[in-house]
Amino acid sequence: MLNFRKYGNTKNPIVILLHGGPAAPGTVAPIAEELADSFRVLEPFQRGSGKTPLTVKTHIEDLEQFIREQSPHCKPSLAGESWGAMLALAYGAAYPDSLKTLTLIGCGTFDKTSRAQMGKILESRMTDEHQKALNEITQSSSTPQQQLLEKYKIIQAFYDYAPIPHGNNMEGEFDSKAHTETWEDMLRQQELGVYPSSFNRINCPVSMIHGDYDPHPGSMIRDSLLPYIPQLKYYELEKCGHSPWYETYARETFFHILKSSF
């Protein structure tokens, strides 16, 4: 059973929020808090690393068990941010009759072309000082987990447009092993052609909300998904980075679209 947090009234429609990362539990807490007045929100924390390497299928099956236990009598709406959006799509393909709606927030990439474009965008925002700091981290004697966290602190600025000051909502220590194992398996499934081709099994309404400053190239990711998810509705937010709930100019519009997608 996955650990989770719950918000809102039990009589309200159920929304399940999937955190990003992989292995960054807690990132959707601010979204859950905003939705709590209108929805019953569940925030599961995805499985961490262990003796057996993590796979996308493992996370899918964990989520299926969670949904069966927490929403046995009705179909929930499922939303995910970043990696969580990718997991939401993978779950929707595996269990196409289990969801009311599916919402993608700052969704990750499903092809090499989109990832290459993302790399170019990030490179264009990097100064010599940034590159020097990243090189120093790579050459340090820090653990892989410490290096990932230090690099994240530097490159986070490349993902935000006009962020509202906020703290760190991550729950517990960052699990670098879980992050690496999960992401490498997602890339493996893409190489095998499983994703995005299996997304043609998704039959519920799908919404995609993306910031125009997000280095993940929203329109390219949308175009890679549309052949398999023709019902996908795409919303691009102006003056908005990767985390629209923290963005000064986009926050209000983001929550309006998000609430209407369920």
C-alpha atoms as a PDB file:
ATOM      1  CA  MET A   1       0.000   0.000   0.000  1.00  0.00           C
ATOM      2  CA  LEU A   2       1.357   3.398  -0.981  1.00  0.00           C
ATOM      3  CA  ASN A   3       1.623   6.103   1.647  1.00  0.00           C
ATOM      4  CA  PHE A   4      -0.580   9.064   0.793  1.00  0.00           C
ATOM      5  CA  ARG A   5      -2.082  12.329   1.973  1.00  0.00           C
ATOM      6  CA  LYS A   6      -5.736  13.223   1.647  1.00  0.00           C
ATOM      7  CA  TYR A   7      -7.487  16.575   1.379  1.00  0.00           C
ATOM      8  CA  GLY A   8     -11.054  17.858   1.177  1.00  0.00           C
ATOM      9  CA  ASN A   9     -14.512  16.482   1.842  1.00  0.00           C
ATOM     10  CA  THR A  10     -15.161  12.768   1.338  1.00  0.00           C
ATOM     11  CA  LYS A  11     -18.457  13.607  -0.411  1.00  0.00           C
ATOM     12  CA  ASN A  12     -16.719  15.514  -3.232  1.00  0.00           C
ATOM     13  CA  PRO A  13     -15.536  14.014  -6.564  1.00  0.00           C
ATOM     14  CA  ILE A  14     -12.195  12.213  -6.249  1.00  0.00           C
ATOM     15  CA  VAL A  15      -9.028  13.578  -7.839  1.00  0.00           C
ATOM     16  CA  ILE A  16      -5.737  11.669  -7.593  1.00  0.00           C
ATOM     17  CA  LEU A  17      -2.560  13.744  -8.056  1.00  0.00           C
ATOM     18  CA  LEU A  18       0.742  12.179  -9.131  1.00  0.00           C
ATOM     19  CA  HIS A  19       4.007  13.853  -8.155  1.00  0.00           C
ATOM     20  CA  GLY A  20       6.950  14.465 -10.431  1.00  0.00           C
ATOM     21  CA  GLY A  21      10.563  13.405 -10.312  1.00  0.00           C
ATOM     22  CA  PRO A  22      10.615  10.490 -10.619  1.00  0.00           C
ATOM     23  CA  ALA A  23      11.055  10.133  -6.849  1.00  0.00           C
ATOM     24  CA  ALA A  24       9.977  13.640  -5.802  1.00  0.00           C
ATOM     25  CA  PRO A  25       7.005  12.979  -3.483  1.00  0.00           C
ATOM     26  CA  GLY A  26       5.282  16.108  -2.242  1.00  0.00           C
ATOM     27  CA  THR A  27       5.576  18.256  -5.375  1.00  0.00           C
ATOM     28  CA  VAL A  28       1.802  18.295  -5.916  1.00  0.00           C
ATOM     29  CA  ALA A  29       0.896  19.264  -2.334  1.00  0.00           C
ATOM     30  CA  PRO A  30       0.269  22.946  -3.238  1.00  0.00           C
ATOM     31  CA  ILE A  31      -2.064  21.833  -6.039  1.00  0.00           C
ATOM     32  CA  ALA A  32      -3.937  19.497  -3.690  1.00  0.00           C
ATOM     33  CA  GLU A  33      -4.400  22.252  -1.128  1.00  0.00           C
ATOM     34  CA  GLU A  34      -5.921  24.557  -3.755  1.00  0.00           C
ATOM     35  CA  LEU A  35      -8.326  21.865  -4.995  1.00  0.00           C
ATOM     36  CA  ALA A  36      -9.442  20.748  -1.535  1.00  0.00           C
ATOM     37  CA  ASP A  37     -12.468  23.077  -1.391  1.00  0.00           C
ATOM     38  CA  SER A  38     -14.105  21.430  -4.399  1.00  0.00           C
ATOM     39  CA  PHE A  39     -12.656  17.907  -4.564  1.00  0.00           C
ATOM     40  CA  ARG A  40     -11.613  14.940  -2.478  1.00  0.00           C
ATOM     41  CA  VAL A  41      -7.889  14.933  -3.313  1.00  0.00           C
ATOM     42  CA  LEU A  42      -5.557  11.972  -2.810  1.00  0.00           C
ATOM     43  CA  GLU A  43      -1.778  12.394  -3.095  1.00  0.00           C
ATOM     44  CA  PRO A  44      -0.028   8.994  -3.240  1.00  0.00           C
ATOM     45  CA  PHE A  45       3.735   8.772  -2.777  1.00  0.00           C
ATOM     46  CA  GLN A  46       5.218   6.494  -5.420  1.00  0.00           C
ATOM     47  CA  ARG A  47       7.304   3.496  -4.381  1.00  0.00           C
ATOM     48  CA  GLY A  48      10.943   4.064  -3.480  1.00  0.00           C
ATOM     49  CA  SER A  49      13.968   1.979  -4.378  1.00  0.00           C
ATOM     50  CA  GLY A  50      14.604  -1.495  -2.989  1.00  0.00           C
ATOM     51  CA  LYS A  51      16.216  -4.810  -3.876  1.00  0.00           C
ATOM     52  CA  THR A  52      14.259  -5.120  -7.137  1.00  0.00           C
ATOM     53  CA  PRO A  53      14.845  -2.407  -9.777  1.00  0.00           C
ATOM     54  CA  LEU A  54      11.856  -0.135 -10.283  1.00  0.00           C
ATOM     55  CA  THR A  55       9.949  -0.151 -13.575  1.00  0.00           C
ATOM     56  CA  VAL A  56       7.096   1.853 -15.044  1.00  0.00           C
ATOM     57  CA  LYS A  57       4.963  -1.284 -14.763  1.00  0.00           C
ATOM     58  CA  THR A  58       5.670  -1.453 -11.028  1.00  0.00           C
ATOM     59  CA  HIS A  59       4.376   2.102 -10.571  1.00  0.00           C
ATOM     60  CA  ILE A  60       1.331   1.342 -12.728  1.00  0.00           C
ATOM     61  CA  GLU A  61       0.404  -1.693 -10.658  1.00  0.00           C
ATOM     62  CA  ASP A  62       0.957   0.199  -7.406  1.00  0.00           C
ATOM     63  CA  LEU A  63      -1.372   2.913  -8.675  1.00  0.00           C
ATOM     64  CA  GLU A  64      -3.992   0.386  -9.763  1.00  0.00           C
ATOM     65  CA  GLN A  65      -4.035  -1.169  -6.279  1.00  0.00           C
ATOM     66  CA  PHE A  66      -4.259   2.297  -4.726  1.00  0.00           C
ATOM     67  CA  ILE A  67      -7.214   3.288  -6.930  1.00  0.00           C
ATOM     68  CA  ARG A  68      -9.049   0.022  -6.230  1.00  0.00           C
ATOM     69  CA  GLU A  69      -8.668   0.587  -2.497  1.00  0.00           C
ATOM     70  CA  GLN A  70      -9.368   4.321  -2.347  1.00  0.00           C
ATOM     71  CA  SER A  71     -11.992   4.700  -5.084  1.00  0.00           C
ATOM     72  CA  PRO A  72     -13.732   1.306  -5.343  1.00  0.00           C
ATOM     73  CA  HIS A  73     -17.168   2.604  -6.335  1.00  0.00           C
ATOM     74  CA  CYS A  74     -16.415   5.409  -8.799  1.00  0.00           C
ATOM     75  CA  LYS A  75     -13.899   6.375 -11.449  1.00  0.00           C
ATOM     76  CA  PRO A  76     -11.500   9.067 -10.198  1.00  0.00           C
ATOM     77  CA  SER A  77      -9.954  11.877 -12.182  1.00  0.00           C
ATOM     78  CA  LEU A  78      -6.182  11.440 -12.488  1.00  0.00           C
ATOM     79  CA  ALA A  79      -3.708  14.296 -12.886  1.00  0.00           C
ATOM     80  CA  GLY A  80       0.080  14.330 -12.831  1.00  0.00           C
ATOM     81  CA  GLU A  81       2.830  16.894 -13.078  1.00  0.00           C
ATOM     82  CA  SER A  82       5.986  16.378 -15.161  1.00  0.00           C
ATOM     83  CA  TRP A  83       7.009  12.714 -14.649  1.00  0.00           C
ATOM     84  CA  GLY A  84       3.644  12.230 -12.915  1.00  0.00           C
ATOM     85  CA  ALA A  85       1.886  13.199 -16.152  1.00  0.00           C
ATOM     86  CA  MET A  86       3.855  10.508 -17.991  1.00  0.00           C
ATOM     87  CA  LEU A  87       2.901   7.925 -15.380  1.00  0.00           C
ATOM     88  CA  ALA A  88      -0.745   9.026 -15.636  1.00  0.00           C
ATOM     89  CA  LEU A  89      -0.680   8.328 -19.378  1.00  0.00           C
ATOM     90  CA  ALA A  90       0.963   4.942 -18.865  1.00  0.00           C
ATOM     91  CA  TYR A  91      -1.688   4.042 -16.292  1.00  0.00           C
ATOM     92  CA  GLY A  92      -4.497   5.221 -18.574  1.00  0.00           C
ATOM     93  CA  ALA A  93      -3.169   2.964 -21.338  1.00  0.00           C
ATOM     94  CA  ALA A  94      -2.950  -0.054 -19.014  1.00  0.00           C
ATOM     95  CA  TYR A  95      -6.368   0.502 -17.407  1.00  0.00           C
ATOM     96  CA  PRO A  96      -8.414   2.489 -19.939  1.00  0.00           C
ATOM     97  CA  ASP A  97     -11.759   1.889 -18.219  1.00  0.00           C
ATOM     98  CA  SER A  98     -10.658   3.045 -14.766  1.00  0.00           C
ATOM     99  CA  LEU A  99     -10.576   6.826 -15.152  1.00  0.00           C
ATOM    100  CA  LYS A 100     -13.102   9.634 -15.449  1.00  0.00           C
ATOM    101  CA  THR A 101     -10.587  12.148 -16.839  1.00  0.00           C
ATOM    102  CA  LEU A 102      -6.826  12.464 -17.267  1.00  0.00           C
ATOM    103  CA  THR A 103      -4.900  15.759 -16.937  1.00  0.00           C
ATOM    104  CA  LEU A 104      -1.248  16.379 -17.835  1.00  0.00           C
ATOM    105  CA  ILE A 105       0.626  19.289 -16.229  1.00  0.00           C
ATOM    106  CA  GLY A 106       4.034  20.124 -17.717  1.00  0.00           C
ATOM    107  CA  CYS A 107       4.229  16.671 -19.283  1.00  0.00           C
ATOM    108  CA  GLY A 108       7.602  15.098 -20.067  1.00  0.00           C
ATOM    109  CA  THR A 109       8.865  13.969 -23.470  1.00  0.00           C
ATOM    110  CA  PHE A 110       8.104  10.782 -25.404  1.00  0.00           C
ATOM    111  CA  ASP A 111      10.556  11.011 -28.305  1.00  0.00           C
ATOM    112  CA  LYS A 112      14.181  11.896 -28.976  1.00  0.00           C
ATOM    113  CA  THR A 113      13.292  14.951 -31.068  1.00  0.00           C
ATOM    114  CA  SER A 114      11.402  16.601 -28.212  1.00  0.00           C
ATOM    115  CA  ARG A 115      14.157  15.754 -25.729  1.00  0.00           C
ATOM    116  CA  ALA A 116      16.788  17.200 -28.076  1.00  0.00           C
ATOM    117  CA  GLN A 117      14.778  20.416 -28.337  1.00  0.00           C
ATOM    118  CA  MET A 118      14.494  20.557 -24.569  1.00  0.00           C
ATOM    119  CA  GLY A 119      18.259  20.195 -24.330  1.00  0.00           C
ATOM    120  CA  LYS A 120      18.726  23.120 -26.728  1.00  0.00           C
ATOM    121  CA  ILE A 121      16.360  25.310 -24.707  1.00  0.00           C
ATOM    122  CA  LEU A 122      18.159  24.539 -21.460  1.00  0.00           C
ATOM    123  CA  GLU A 123      21.539  25.142 -23.078  1.00  0.00           C
ATOM    124  CA  SER A 124      20.390  28.538 -24.354  1.00  0.00           C
ATOM    125  CA  ARG A 125      19.533  29.582 -20.787  1.00  0.00           C
ATOM    126  CA  MET A 126      22.828  28.461 -19.280  1.00  0.00           C
ATOM    127  CA  THR A 127      25.586  30.972 -18.607  1.00  0.00           C
ATOM    128  CA  ASP A 128      29.284  30.207 -18.239  1.00  0.00           C
ATOM    129  CA  GLU A 129      28.829  30.575 -14.484  1.00  0.00           C
ATOM    130  CA  HIS A 130      26.077  27.959 -14.466  1.00  0.00           C
ATOM    131  CA  GLN A 131      28.194  25.548 -16.500  1.00  0.00           C
ATOM    132  CA  LYS A 132      31.180  26.042 -14.224  1.00  0.00           C
ATOM    133  CA  ALA A 133      29.075  25.316 -11.142  1.00  0.00           C
ATOM    134  CA  LEU A 134      27.631  22.150 -12.730  1.00  0.00           C
ATOM    135  CA  ASN A 135      31.102  20.923 -13.692  1.00  0.00           C
ATOM    136  CA  GLU A 136      32.338  21.440 -10.140  1.00  0.00           C
ATOM    137  CA  ILE A 137      29.449  19.352  -8.793  1.00  0.00           C
ATOM    138  CA  THR A 138      30.165  16.533 -11.264  1.00  0.00           C
ATOM    139  CA  GLN A 139      33.847  16.492 -10.298  1.00  0.00           C
ATOM    140  CA  SER A 140      33.154  16.587  -6.562  1.00  0.00           C
ATOM    141  CA  SER A 141      33.314  13.588  -4.248  1.00  0.00           C
ATOM    142  CA  SER A 142      29.646  13.982  -3.291  1.00  0.00           C
ATOM    143  CA  THR A 143      27.299  11.011  -3.504  1.00  0.00           C
ATOM    144  CA  PRO A 144      25.118  10.666  -6.636  1.00  0.00           C
ATOM    145  CA  GLN A 145      22.129  11.727  -4.550  1.00  0.00           C
ATOM    146  CA  GLN A 146      23.869  14.875  -3.321  1.00  0.00           C
ATOM    147  CA  GLN A 147      25.033  15.705  -6.847  1.00  0.00           C
ATOM    148  CA  LEU A 148      21.512  15.416  -8.268  1.00  0.00           C
ATOM    149  CA  LEU A 149      20.143  17.720  -5.577  1.00  0.00           C
ATOM    150  CA  GLU A 150      22.894  20.295  -6.091  1.00  0.00           C
ATOM    151  CA  LYS A 151      22.404  20.259  -9.867  1.00  0.00           C
ATOM    152  CA  TYR A 152      18.654  20.650  -9.412  1.00  0.00           C
ATOM    153  CA  LYS A 153      19.176  23.805  -7.350  1.00  0.00           C
ATOM    154  CA  ILE A 154      21.169  25.354 -10.192  1.00  0.00           C
ATOM    155  CA  ILE A 155      19.005  24.392 -13.156  1.00  0.00           C
ATOM    156  CA  GLN A 156      15.655  25.058 -11.432  1.00  0.00           C
ATOM    157  CA  ALA A 157      15.960  28.694 -12.508  1.00  0.00           C
ATOM    158  CA  PHE A 158      15.875  27.565 -16.157  1.00  0.00           C
ATOM    159  CA  TYR A 159      12.384  26.094 -15.617  1.00  0.00           C
ATOM    160  CA  ASP A 160      10.653  29.109 -14.006  1.00  0.00           C
ATOM    161  CA  TYR A 161       9.407  32.324 -15.630  1.00  0.00           C
ATOM    162  CA  ALA A 162       8.198  34.515 -12.733  1.00  0.00           C
ATOM    163  CA  PRO A 163       7.945  32.202  -9.723  1.00  0.00           C
ATOM    164  CA  ILE A 164       6.091  33.039  -6.538  1.00  0.00           C
ATOM    165  CA  PRO A 165       8.472  32.519  -3.583  1.00  0.00           C
ATOM    166  CA  HIS A 166       7.885  29.104  -2.058  1.00  0.00           C
ATOM    167  CA  GLY A 167       9.518  26.442   0.070  1.00  0.00           C
ATOM    168  CA  ASN A 168      10.480  22.864  -0.687  1.00  0.00           C
ATOM    169  CA  ASN A 169       7.442  20.574  -0.554  1.00  0.00           C
ATOM    170  CA  MET A 170       9.335  17.333  -1.078  1.00  0.00           C
ATOM    171  CA  GLU A 171       8.465  14.619   1.428  1.00  0.00           C
ATOM    172  CA  GLY A 172      11.570  13.034   2.938  1.00  0.00           C
ATOM    173  CA  GLU A 173      14.930  12.435   1.279  1.00  0.00           C
ATOM    174  CA  PHE A 174      15.311  12.416  -2.493  1.00  0.00           C
ATOM    175  CA  ASP A 175      15.696   8.815  -3.686  1.00  0.00           C
ATOM    176  CA  SER A 176      18.243   9.069  -6.507  1.00  0.00           C
ATOM    177  CA  LYS A 177      18.208   5.304  -7.111  1.00  0.00           C
ATOM    178  CA  ALA A 178      14.426   5.281  -7.570  1.00  0.00           C
ATOM    179  CA  HIS A 179      14.729   8.287  -9.870  1.00  0.00           C
ATOM    180  CA  THR A 180      17.355   6.674 -12.076  1.00  0.00           C
ATOM    181  CA  GLU A 181      15.755   3.228 -12.249  1.00  0.00           C
ATOM    182  CA  THR A 182      12.312   4.605 -13.080  1.00  0.00           C
ATOM    183  CA  TRP A 183      13.479   7.095 -15.703  1.00  0.00           C
ATOM    184  CA  GLU A 184      15.779   4.596 -17.407  1.00  0.00           C
ATOM    185  CA  ASP A 185      12.886   2.145 -17.703  1.00  0.00           C
ATOM    186  CA  MET A 186      10.637   4.842 -19.185  1.00  0.00           C
ATOM    187  CA  LEU A 187      13.297   5.516 -21.821  1.00  0.00           C
ATOM    188  CA  ARG A 188      13.593   1.766 -22.421  1.00  0.00           C
ATOM    189  CA  GLN A 189       9.836   1.473 -22.982  1.00  0.00           C
ATOM    190  CA  GLN A 190       9.996   4.347 -25.463  1.00  0.00           C
ATOM    191  CA  GLU A 191      12.835   2.644 -27.347  1.00  0.00           C
ATOM    192  CA  LEU A 192      10.736  -0.537 -27.500  1.00  0.00           C
ATOM    193  CA  GLY A 193       7.825   1.437 -28.931  1.00  0.00           C
ATOM    194  CA  VAL A 194       5.496   0.822 -25.981  1.00  0.00           C
ATOM    195  CA  TYR A 195       5.090   4.566 -25.394  1.00  0.00           C
ATOM    196  CA  PRO A 196       3.478   6.565 -26.827  1.00  0.00           C
ATOM    197  CA  SER A 197       1.894   3.953 -29.160  1.00  0.00           C
ATOM    198  CA  SER A 198      -0.087   2.233 -26.371  1.00  0.00           C
ATOM    199  CA  PHE A 199      -1.763   5.526 -25.485  1.00  0.00           C
ATOM    200  CA  ASN A 200      -4.292   4.813 -28.248  1.00  0.00           C
ATOM    201  CA  ARG A 201      -6.076   2.672 -25.637  1.00  0.00           C
ATOM    202  CA  ILE A 202      -6.918   5.734 -23.512  1.00  0.00           C
ATOM    203  CA  ASN A 203     -10.605   6.510 -23.984  1.00  0.00           C
ATOM    204  CA  CYS A 204     -11.357   9.163 -21.347  1.00  0.00           C
ATOM    205  CA  PRO A 205     -11.072  12.954 -21.892  1.00  0.00           C
ATOM    206  CA  VAL A 206      -7.442  14.126 -21.746  1.00  0.00           C
ATOM    207  CA  SER A 207      -6.275  17.692 -21.038  1.00  0.00           C
ATOM    208  CA  MET A 208      -2.710  18.973 -21.327  1.00  0.00           C
ATOM    209  CA  ILE A 209      -1.713  22.215 -19.541  1.00  0.00           C
ATOM    210  CA  HIS A 210       1.712  23.596 -20.406  1.00  0.00           C
ATOM    211  CA  GLY A 211       3.644  26.806 -19.787  1.00  0.00           C
ATOM    212  CA  ASP A 212       5.041  28.609 -22.829  1.00  0.00           C
ATOM    213  CA  TYR A 213       8.398  29.080 -21.018  1.00  0.00           C
ATOM    214  CA  ASP A 214       8.647  25.462 -19.879  1.00  0.00           C
ATOM    215  CA  PRO A 215      11.803  23.967 -21.436  1.00  0.00           C
ATOM    216  CA  HIS A 216       9.769  20.839 -22.130  1.00  0.00           C
ATOM    217  CA  PRO A 217       8.562  21.841 -25.635  1.00  0.00           C
ATOM    218  CA  GLY A 218       4.800  21.749 -25.149  1.00  0.00           C
ATOM    219  CA  SER A 219       3.645  21.923 -28.749  1.00  0.00           C
ATOM    220  CA  MET A 220       6.105  19.199 -29.808  1.00  0.00           C
ATOM    221  CA  ILE A 221       5.017  16.915 -26.973  1.00  0.00           C
ATOM    222  CA  ARG A 222       1.374  17.578 -27.871  1.00  0.00           C
ATOM    223  CA  ASP A 223       2.027  16.726 -31.510  1.00  0.00           C
ATOM    224  CA  SER A 224       3.755  13.476 -30.514  1.00  0.00           C
ATOM    225  CA  LEU A 225       0.690  12.461 -28.489  1.00  0.00           C
ATOM    226  CA  LEU A 226      -2.156  13.548 -30.772  1.00  0.00           C
ATOM    227  CA  PRO A 227      -1.882  10.616 -33.233  1.00  0.00           C
ATOM    228  CA  TYR A 228      -2.594   8.284 -30.305  1.00  0.00           C
ATOM    229  CA  ILE A 229      -4.858  10.543 -28.211  1.00  0.00           C
ATOM    230  CA  PRO A 230      -7.029  12.476 -30.700  1.00  0.00           C
ATOM    231  CA  GLN A 231      -9.306  13.672 -27.885  1.00  0.00           C
ATOM    232  CA  LEU A 232      -6.421  15.545 -26.214  1.00  0.00           C
ATOM    233  CA  LYS A 233      -7.142  19.232 -25.479  1.00  0.00           C
ATOM    234  CA  TYR A 234      -4.081  21.455 -25.240  1.00  0.00           C
ATOM    235  CA  TYR A 235      -3.818  24.642 -23.158  1.00  0.00           C
ATOM    236  CA  GLU A 236      -0.674  26.783 -23.290  1.00  0.00           C
ATOM    237  CA  LEU A 237      -0.205  29.360 -20.543  1.00  0.00           C
ATOM    238  CA  GLU A 238       1.589  32.631 -21.306  1.00  0.00           C
ATOM    239  CA  LYS A 239       4.480  33.827 -19.139  1.00  0.00           C
ATOM    240  CA  CYS A 240       4.601  30.447 -17.444  1.00  0.00           C
ATOM    241  CA  GLY A 241       7.302  27.924 -16.668  1.00  0.00           C
ATOM    242  CA  HIS A 242       7.248  24.264 -15.686  1.00  0.00           C
ATOM    243  CA  SER A 243       5.249  24.675 -12.434  1.00  0.00           C
ATOM    244  CA  PRO A 244       2.231  26.886 -13.221  1.00  0.00           C
ATOM    245  CA  TRP A 245       0.864  26.736  -9.668  1.00  0.00           C
ATOM    246  CA  TYR A 246       3.923  28.765  -8.617  1.00  0.00           C
ATOM    247  CA  GLU A 247       3.839  31.232 -11.530  1.00  0.00           C
ATOM    248  CA  THR A 248       2.868  34.862 -10.863  1.00  0.00           C
ATOM    249  CA  TYR A 249       1.099  35.507 -14.163  1.00  0.00           C
ATOM    250  CA  ALA A 250      -0.377  32.059 -14.845  1.00  0.00           C
ATOM    251  CA  ARG A 251      -1.473  30.670 -11.479  1.00  0.00           C
ATOM    252  CA  GLU A 252      -5.085  31.871 -11.597  1.00  0.00           C
ATOM    253  CA  THR A 253      -5.648  30.725 -15.190  1.00  0.00           C
ATOM    254  CA  PHE A 254      -3.963  27.417 -14.451  1.00  0.00           C
ATOM    255  CA  PHE A 255      -6.298  26.537 -11.606  1.00  0.00           C
ATOM    256  CA  HIS A 256      -9.342  27.636 -13.602  1.00  0.00           C
ATOM    257  CA  ILE A 257      -8.394  25.262 -16.450  1.00  0.00           C
ATOM    258  CA  LEU A 258      -7.354  22.478 -14.077  1.00  0.00           C
ATOM    259  CA  LYS A 259     -10.622  22.494 -12.135  1.00  0.00           C
ATOM    260  CA  SER A 260     -12.673  22.551 -15.326  1.00  0.00           C
ATOM    261  CA  SER A 261     -10.754  19.532 -16.688  1.00  0.00           C
ATOM    262  CA  PHE A 262     -12.115  17.156 -14.028  1.00  0.00           C
END
